[in-house]
Amino acid sequence: MIGWMHHTPRRAVMSACVIAAVLLFVGASAHVTDLLSHGLHPYDWAPGWLNLYWSSLALFDTLAAVLLIRGKRRGIDLACAIMATDLAANWYAVHGIQHSNLAAQPGLQRLTVFAALVLGTAPFIRRHLTN
């Protein structure tokens, strides 16, 4: 690992974890709302596997946020896995199913920025988190 990554200020690590945790909780609340309103298949236009994946994020987003707040490496690892797969799933949905594009999808724009934040900061903050 690059030496300067060891010197990431503790305040920056805590800030990144709190921001990611809050945004993960926002995502979890959206998925919980969809589950409560529409069940396991809230998007009738999407295939079943994609609906189930998005519904599972009600649990996984919450778990990642809690682990991040507790300062656990598993939190950032799970957040990275969630963001990579959720971004891929949403890009597939927008381009492959809805035949739309990034410019027409503000939700995908926000998700892309959040994924970049999580994936971009993970190498800097992971070392400072506990097992």
N, C-alpha and C. Protein backbone atom coordinates (compact mmCIF):
# COMPACT_ATOMS: atom_id res chain seq x y z
N MET A 1 0.84 -1.17 0.00
CA MET A 1 0.00 0.00 0.00
C MET A 1 0.89 1.24 0.00
N ILE A 2 0.45 2.27 -0.62
CA ILE A 2 1.20 3.51 -0.73
C ILE A 2 1.31 4.14 0.65
N GLY A 3 2.51 4.63 0.99
CA GLY A 3 2.79 5.17 2.33
C GLY A 3 1.85 6.27 2.78
N TRP A 4 1.48 7.19 1.90
CA TRP A 4 0.64 8.30 2.33
C TRP A 4 -0.77 7.87 2.68
N MET A 5 -1.18 6.68 2.26
CA MET A 5 -2.49 6.18 2.65
C MET A 5 -2.54 5.86 4.14
N HIS A 6 -1.37 5.55 4.71
CA HIS A 6 -1.31 5.27 6.15
C HIS A 6 -1.61 6.53 6.96
N HIS A 7 -1.42 7.67 6.35
CA HIS A 7 -1.53 8.93 7.07
C HIS A 7 -2.84 9.66 6.80
N THR A 8 -3.83 8.96 6.37
CA THR A 8 -5.14 9.58 6.16
C THR A 8 -5.63 10.09 7.51
N PRO A 9 -5.99 11.37 7.59
CA PRO A 9 -6.43 11.93 8.88
C PRO A 9 -7.66 11.20 9.42
N ARG A 10 -7.65 10.95 10.72
CA ARG A 10 -8.75 10.23 11.38
C ARG A 10 -10.09 10.93 11.12
N ARG A 11 -10.08 12.26 11.12
CA ARG A 11 -11.32 13.01 10.88
C ARG A 11 -11.87 12.72 9.49
N ALA A 12 -10.99 12.60 8.50
CA ALA A 12 -11.43 12.28 7.13
C ALA A 12 -12.02 10.88 7.06
N VAL A 13 -11.40 9.94 7.77
CA VAL A 13 -11.90 8.57 7.81
C VAL A 13 -13.30 8.55 8.44
N MET A 14 -13.43 9.20 9.57
CA MET A 14 -14.73 9.23 10.26
C MET A 14 -15.79 9.92 9.40
N SER A 15 -15.42 11.01 8.76
CA SER A 15 -16.37 11.73 7.91
C SER A 15 -16.85 10.87 6.75
N ALA A 16 -15.91 10.20 6.09
CA ALA A 16 -16.28 9.33 4.96
C ALA A 16 -17.20 8.21 5.41
N CYS A 17 -16.90 7.62 6.58
CA CYS A 17 -17.74 6.53 7.09
C CYS A 17 -19.14 7.01 7.45
N VAL A 18 -19.23 8.17 8.07
CA VAL A 18 -20.54 8.71 8.46
C VAL A 18 -21.36 9.08 7.22
N ILE A 19 -20.72 9.74 6.25
CA ILE A 19 -21.44 10.10 5.02
C ILE A 19 -21.94 8.85 4.31
N ALA A 20 -21.07 7.85 4.17
CA ALA A 20 -21.48 6.61 3.50
C ALA A 20 -22.59 5.93 4.27
N ALA A 21 -22.48 5.88 5.61
CA ALA A 21 -23.51 5.22 6.43
C ALA A 21 -24.86 5.93 6.29
N VAL A 22 -24.85 7.25 6.32
CA VAL A 22 -26.11 8.00 6.18
C VAL A 22 -26.74 7.71 4.82
N LEU A 23 -25.93 7.74 3.76
CA LEU A 23 -26.47 7.49 2.43
C LEU A 23 -26.92 6.05 2.26
N LEU A 24 -26.24 5.11 2.91
CA LEU A 24 -26.70 3.71 2.89
C LEU A 24 -28.04 3.58 3.61
N PHE A 25 -28.19 4.29 4.73
CA PHE A 25 -29.48 4.28 5.43
C PHE A 25 -30.58 4.89 4.57
N VAL A 26 -30.28 5.92 3.81
CA VAL A 26 -31.26 6.51 2.89
C VAL A 26 -31.68 5.46 1.86
N GLY A 27 -30.70 4.76 1.29
CA GLY A 27 -31.02 3.70 0.34
C GLY A 27 -31.84 2.59 0.97
N ALA A 28 -31.46 2.18 2.18
CA ALA A 28 -32.19 1.12 2.88
C ALA A 28 -33.64 1.55 3.12
N SER A 29 -33.83 2.79 3.52
CA SER A 29 -35.20 3.25 3.79
C SER A 29 -36.04 3.25 2.51
N ALA A 30 -35.42 3.59 1.38
CA ALA A 30 -36.15 3.54 0.11
C ALA A 30 -36.55 2.10 -0.23
N HIS A 31 -35.63 1.16 0.01
CA HIS A 31 -35.93 -0.25 -0.28
C HIS A 31 -36.98 -0.80 0.69
N VAL A 32 -36.92 -0.39 1.95
CA VAL A 32 -37.93 -0.82 2.93
C VAL A 32 -39.30 -0.27 2.54
N THR A 33 -39.33 0.99 2.13
CA THR A 33 -40.59 1.60 1.69
C THR A 33 -41.17 0.84 0.50
N ASP A 34 -40.31 0.50 -0.47
CA ASP A 34 -40.77 -0.27 -1.62
C ASP A 34 -41.30 -1.64 -1.20
N LEU A 35 -40.59 -2.29 -0.26
CA LEU A 35 -41.04 -3.59 0.23
C LEU A 35 -42.40 -3.50 0.91
N LEU A 36 -42.56 -2.51 1.76
CA LEU A 36 -43.82 -2.36 2.48
C LEU A 36 -44.97 -1.97 1.55
N SER A 37 -44.67 -1.19 0.54
CA SER A 37 -45.72 -0.74 -0.38
C SER A 37 -46.08 -1.76 -1.46
N HIS A 38 -45.06 -2.50 -1.94
CA HIS A 38 -45.28 -3.34 -3.12
C HIS A 38 -44.81 -4.79 -2.97
N GLY A 39 -44.27 -5.16 -1.84
CA GLY A 39 -43.78 -6.52 -1.65
C GLY A 39 -42.41 -6.73 -2.28
N LEU A 40 -42.07 -8.01 -2.51
CA LEU A 40 -40.75 -8.36 -3.01
C LEU A 40 -40.50 -7.98 -4.47
N HIS A 41 -41.55 -7.63 -5.19
CA HIS A 41 -41.43 -7.28 -6.61
C HIS A 41 -42.01 -5.89 -6.85
N PRO A 42 -41.32 -4.83 -6.37
CA PRO A 42 -41.88 -3.49 -6.48
C PRO A 42 -41.84 -2.88 -7.88
N TYR A 43 -41.02 -3.44 -8.76
CA TYR A 43 -40.89 -2.87 -10.10
C TYR A 43 -41.40 -3.88 -11.12
N ASP A 44 -42.64 -3.70 -11.57
CA ASP A 44 -43.24 -4.67 -12.48
C ASP A 44 -42.55 -4.74 -13.83
N TRP A 45 -41.78 -3.72 -14.19
CA TRP A 45 -41.07 -3.69 -15.46
C TRP A 45 -39.75 -4.46 -15.40
N ALA A 46 -39.27 -4.76 -14.19
CA ALA A 46 -37.96 -5.42 -14.03
C ALA A 46 -38.14 -6.92 -13.84
N PRO A 47 -37.14 -7.71 -14.27
CA PRO A 47 -37.22 -9.16 -14.04
C PRO A 47 -37.20 -9.48 -12.54
N GLY A 48 -37.68 -10.67 -12.21
CA GLY A 48 -37.78 -11.08 -10.82
C GLY A 48 -36.47 -11.04 -10.07
N TRP A 49 -35.38 -11.51 -10.71
CA TRP A 49 -34.08 -11.53 -10.02
C TRP A 49 -33.62 -10.13 -9.66
N LEU A 50 -33.93 -9.16 -10.51
CA LEU A 50 -33.52 -7.78 -10.24
C LEU A 50 -34.37 -7.19 -9.11
N ASN A 51 -35.65 -7.50 -9.10
CA ASN A 51 -36.52 -7.08 -7.99
C ASN A 51 -36.03 -7.66 -6.66
N LEU A 52 -35.68 -8.94 -6.68
CA LEU A 52 -35.20 -9.57 -5.45
C LEU A 52 -33.88 -8.98 -4.99
N TYR A 53 -33.00 -8.68 -5.93
CA TYR A 53 -31.73 -8.04 -5.56
C TYR A 53 -31.99 -6.70 -4.89
N TRP A 54 -32.80 -5.85 -5.53
CA TRP A 54 -33.08 -4.54 -4.95
C TRP A 54 -33.78 -4.66 -3.60
N SER A 55 -34.67 -5.62 -3.45
CA SER A 55 -35.34 -5.82 -2.17
C SER A 55 -34.34 -6.26 -1.10
N SER A 56 -33.36 -7.07 -1.48
CA SER A 56 -32.36 -7.53 -0.50
C SER A 56 -31.52 -6.38 0.02
N LEU A 57 -31.46 -5.28 -0.71
CA LEU A 57 -30.66 -4.14 -0.26
C LEU A 57 -31.25 -3.48 0.98
N ALA A 58 -32.52 -3.73 1.28
CA ALA A 58 -33.09 -3.23 2.53
C ALA A 58 -32.27 -3.77 3.71
N LEU A 59 -31.88 -5.02 3.63
CA LEU A 59 -31.05 -5.64 4.67
C LEU A 59 -29.58 -5.27 4.52
N PHE A 60 -29.03 -5.44 3.32
CA PHE A 60 -27.59 -5.27 3.13
C PHE A 60 -27.13 -3.82 3.29
N ASP A 61 -27.92 -2.85 2.82
CA ASP A 61 -27.57 -1.44 3.03
C ASP A 61 -27.52 -1.12 4.52
N THR A 62 -28.52 -1.62 5.26
CA THR A 62 -28.56 -1.38 6.70
C THR A 62 -27.36 -2.02 7.39
N LEU A 63 -27.06 -3.24 7.03
CA LEU A 63 -25.93 -3.94 7.64
C LEU A 63 -24.63 -3.21 7.37
N ALA A 64 -24.40 -2.79 6.15
CA ALA A 64 -23.17 -2.07 5.82
C ALA A 64 -23.08 -0.76 6.59
N ALA A 65 -24.19 -0.04 6.70
CA ALA A 65 -24.19 1.23 7.43
C ALA A 65 -23.86 1.01 8.91
N VAL A 66 -24.46 0.01 9.52
CA VAL A 66 -24.20 -0.27 10.93
C VAL A 66 -22.73 -0.64 11.13
N LEU A 67 -22.20 -1.48 10.26
CA LEU A 67 -20.79 -1.88 10.37
C LEU A 67 -19.86 -0.68 10.18
N LEU A 68 -20.19 0.22 9.28
CA LEU A 68 -19.38 1.42 9.10
C LEU A 68 -19.41 2.31 10.34
N ILE A 69 -20.58 2.49 10.91
CA ILE A 69 -20.70 3.30 12.11
C ILE A 69 -19.89 2.70 13.26
N ARG A 70 -19.83 1.37 13.29
CA ARG A 70 -19.05 0.68 14.33
C ARG A 70 -17.56 0.64 14.00
N GLY A 71 -17.17 1.18 12.84
CA GLY A 71 -15.77 1.25 12.46
C GLY A 71 -15.17 -0.07 12.02
N LYS A 72 -15.98 -0.92 11.40
CA LYS A 72 -15.53 -2.25 10.98
C LYS A 72 -15.15 -2.27 9.50
N ARG A 73 -14.07 -2.97 9.20
CA ARG A 73 -13.64 -3.13 7.81
C ARG A 73 -14.69 -3.83 6.97
N ARG A 74 -15.39 -4.77 7.59
CA ARG A 74 -16.44 -5.48 6.84
C ARG A 74 -17.49 -4.51 6.32
N GLY A 75 -17.66 -3.38 7.01
CA GLY A 75 -18.62 -2.38 6.56
C GLY A 75 -18.24 -1.76 5.23
N ILE A 76 -16.97 -1.37 5.12
CA ILE A 76 -16.53 -0.76 3.86
C ILE A 76 -16.44 -1.82 2.76
N ASP A 77 -16.06 -3.04 3.13
CA ASP A 77 -16.02 -4.12 2.14
C ASP A 77 -17.42 -4.41 1.59
N LEU A 78 -18.39 -4.50 2.50
CA LEU A 78 -19.77 -4.74 2.07
C LEU A 78 -20.31 -3.55 1.27
N ALA A 79 -19.99 -2.34 1.71
CA ALA A 79 -20.44 -1.16 0.98
C ALA A 79 -19.89 -1.15 -0.44
N CYS A 80 -18.63 -1.54 -0.60
CA CYS A 80 -18.03 -1.61 -1.94
C CYS A 80 -18.74 -2.66 -2.80
N ALA A 81 -19.01 -3.81 -2.22
CA ALA A 81 -19.71 -4.87 -2.97
C ALA A 81 -21.11 -4.40 -3.36
N ILE A 82 -21.79 -3.77 -2.43
CA ILE A 82 -23.14 -3.26 -2.71
C ILE A 82 -23.10 -2.22 -3.83
N MET A 83 -22.18 -1.27 -3.72
CA MET A 83 -22.15 -0.20 -4.70
C MET A 83 -21.79 -0.71 -6.09
N ALA A 84 -20.84 -1.63 -6.16
CA ALA A 84 -20.44 -2.18 -7.48
C ALA A 84 -21.60 -2.94 -8.11
N THR A 85 -22.27 -3.78 -7.33
CA THR A 85 -23.36 -4.58 -7.89
C THR A 85 -24.61 -3.74 -8.14
N ASP A 86 -24.91 -2.80 -7.24
CA ASP A 86 -26.08 -1.96 -7.42
C ASP A 86 -25.91 -1.03 -8.62
N LEU A 87 -24.71 -0.51 -8.79
CA LEU A 87 -24.46 0.34 -9.95
C LEU A 87 -24.60 -0.47 -11.25
N ALA A 88 -24.05 -1.68 -11.25
CA ALA A 88 -24.18 -2.54 -12.45
C ALA A 88 -25.65 -2.87 -12.71
N ALA A 89 -26.39 -3.21 -11.66
CA ALA A 89 -27.81 -3.55 -11.82
C ALA A 89 -28.61 -2.36 -12.34
N ASN A 90 -28.34 -1.17 -11.82
CA ASN A 90 -29.07 0.01 -12.26
C ASN A 90 -28.70 0.43 -13.68
N TRP A 91 -27.41 0.32 -14.02
CA TRP A 91 -27.02 0.62 -15.40
C TRP A 91 -27.69 -0.36 -16.35
N TYR A 92 -27.74 -1.63 -15.97
CA TYR A 92 -28.42 -2.63 -16.80
C TYR A 92 -29.90 -2.27 -16.96
N ALA A 93 -30.54 -1.90 -15.85
CA ALA A 93 -31.96 -1.57 -15.89
C ALA A 93 -32.22 -0.36 -16.78
N VAL A 94 -31.39 0.67 -16.64
CA VAL A 94 -31.58 1.89 -17.41
C VAL A 94 -31.30 1.67 -18.90
N HIS A 95 -30.16 1.04 -19.19
CA HIS A 95 -29.77 0.88 -20.60
C HIS A 95 -30.38 -0.35 -21.25
N GLY A 96 -30.37 -1.47 -20.55
CA GLY A 96 -30.80 -2.72 -21.15
C GLY A 96 -32.30 -2.96 -21.14
N ILE A 97 -32.98 -2.43 -20.14
CA ILE A 97 -34.42 -2.68 -20.02
C ILE A 97 -35.23 -1.44 -20.42
N GLN A 98 -34.88 -0.29 -19.86
CA GLN A 98 -35.65 0.92 -20.12
C GLN A 98 -35.18 1.67 -21.36
N HIS A 99 -34.04 1.29 -21.92
CA HIS A 99 -33.47 1.93 -23.11
C HIS A 99 -33.38 3.44 -22.94
N SER A 100 -32.85 3.82 -21.78
CA SER A 100 -32.67 5.22 -21.45
C SER A 100 -31.17 5.50 -21.35
N ASN A 101 -30.82 6.66 -20.80
CA ASN A 101 -29.41 7.00 -20.64
C ASN A 101 -29.19 7.74 -19.33
N LEU A 102 -27.93 7.93 -19.01
CA LEU A 102 -27.54 8.57 -17.74
C LEU A 102 -28.13 9.97 -17.62
N ALA A 103 -28.13 10.73 -18.70
CA ALA A 103 -28.61 12.11 -18.66
C ALA A 103 -30.09 12.19 -18.27
N ALA A 104 -30.86 11.17 -18.60
CA ALA A 104 -32.30 11.17 -18.34
C ALA A 104 -32.66 10.55 -16.98
N GLN A 105 -31.66 10.10 -16.24
CA GLN A 105 -31.93 9.36 -15.01
C GLN A 105 -31.20 9.99 -13.81
N PRO A 106 -31.81 10.96 -13.13
CA PRO A 106 -31.13 11.59 -12.00
C PRO A 106 -30.81 10.61 -10.87
N GLY A 107 -31.63 9.59 -10.69
CA GLY A 107 -31.34 8.59 -9.67
C GLY A 107 -30.06 7.83 -9.97
N LEU A 108 -29.85 7.50 -11.22
CA LEU A 108 -28.63 6.81 -11.63
C LEU A 108 -27.43 7.75 -11.51
N GLN A 109 -27.63 9.01 -11.78
CA GLN A 109 -26.56 9.99 -11.61
C GLN A 109 -26.10 10.04 -10.15
N ARG A 110 -27.07 10.12 -9.23
CA ARG A 110 -26.74 10.16 -7.79
C ARG A 110 -26.06 8.87 -7.36
N LEU A 111 -26.57 7.73 -7.82
CA LEU A 111 -25.98 6.45 -7.46
C LEU A 111 -24.54 6.34 -7.98
N THR A 112 -24.29 6.83 -9.17
CA THR A 112 -22.95 6.80 -9.75
C THR A 112 -21.98 7.63 -8.92
N VAL A 113 -22.40 8.80 -8.50
CA VAL A 113 -21.55 9.66 -7.66
C VAL A 113 -21.30 8.99 -6.30
N PHE A 114 -22.32 8.41 -5.71
CA PHE A 114 -22.16 7.74 -4.42
C PHE A 114 -21.23 6.53 -4.55
N ALA A 115 -21.39 5.77 -5.62
CA ALA A 115 -20.50 4.62 -5.84
C ALA A 115 -19.05 5.10 -5.99
N ALA A 116 -18.85 6.18 -6.71
CA ALA A 116 -17.50 6.72 -6.86
C ALA A 116 -16.93 7.16 -5.51
N LEU A 117 -17.77 7.75 -4.67
CA LEU A 117 -17.34 8.16 -3.33
C LEU A 117 -16.90 6.94 -2.51
N VAL A 118 -17.75 5.92 -2.47
CA VAL A 118 -17.45 4.73 -1.67
C VAL A 118 -16.23 4.00 -2.22
N LEU A 119 -16.23 3.72 -3.51
CA LEU A 119 -15.13 2.96 -4.10
C LEU A 119 -13.83 3.76 -4.11
N GLY A 120 -13.94 5.06 -4.26
CA GLY A 120 -12.74 5.90 -4.29
C GLY A 120 -12.10 6.13 -2.93
N THR A 121 -12.91 6.16 -1.88
CA THR A 121 -12.36 6.40 -0.54
C THR A 121 -12.00 5.11 0.19
N ALA A 122 -12.53 4.00 -0.25
CA ALA A 122 -12.32 2.73 0.47
C ALA A 122 -10.85 2.41 0.73
N PRO A 123 -9.95 2.54 -0.24
CA PRO A 123 -8.55 2.20 0.05
C PRO A 123 -7.93 3.09 1.12
N PHE A 124 -8.40 4.32 1.24
CA PHE A 124 -7.84 5.26 2.20
C PHE A 124 -8.35 5.00 3.62
N ILE A 125 -9.61 4.59 3.72
CA ILE A 125 -10.19 4.45 5.06
C ILE A 125 -10.14 3.03 5.60
N ARG A 126 -10.06 2.04 4.73
CA ARG A 126 -10.13 0.65 5.17
C ARG A 126 -9.06 0.32 6.20
N ARG A 127 -7.85 0.78 5.98
CA ARG A 127 -6.73 0.50 6.87
C ARG A 127 -6.98 1.01 8.29
N HIS A 128 -7.80 2.05 8.42
CA HIS A 128 -8.04 2.65 9.72
C HIS A 128 -9.21 2.01 10.48
N LEU A 129 -9.89 1.08 9.85
CA LEU A 129 -11.02 0.42 10.48
C LEU A 129 -10.56 -0.87 11.15
N THR A 130 -11.33 -1.37 12.09
CA THR A 130 -10.95 -2.58 12.82
C THR A 130 -11.58 -3.80 12.18
N ASN A 131 -11.00 -4.94 12.53
CA ASN A 131 -11.56 -6.21 12.03
C ASN A 131 -12.86 -6.42 12.69
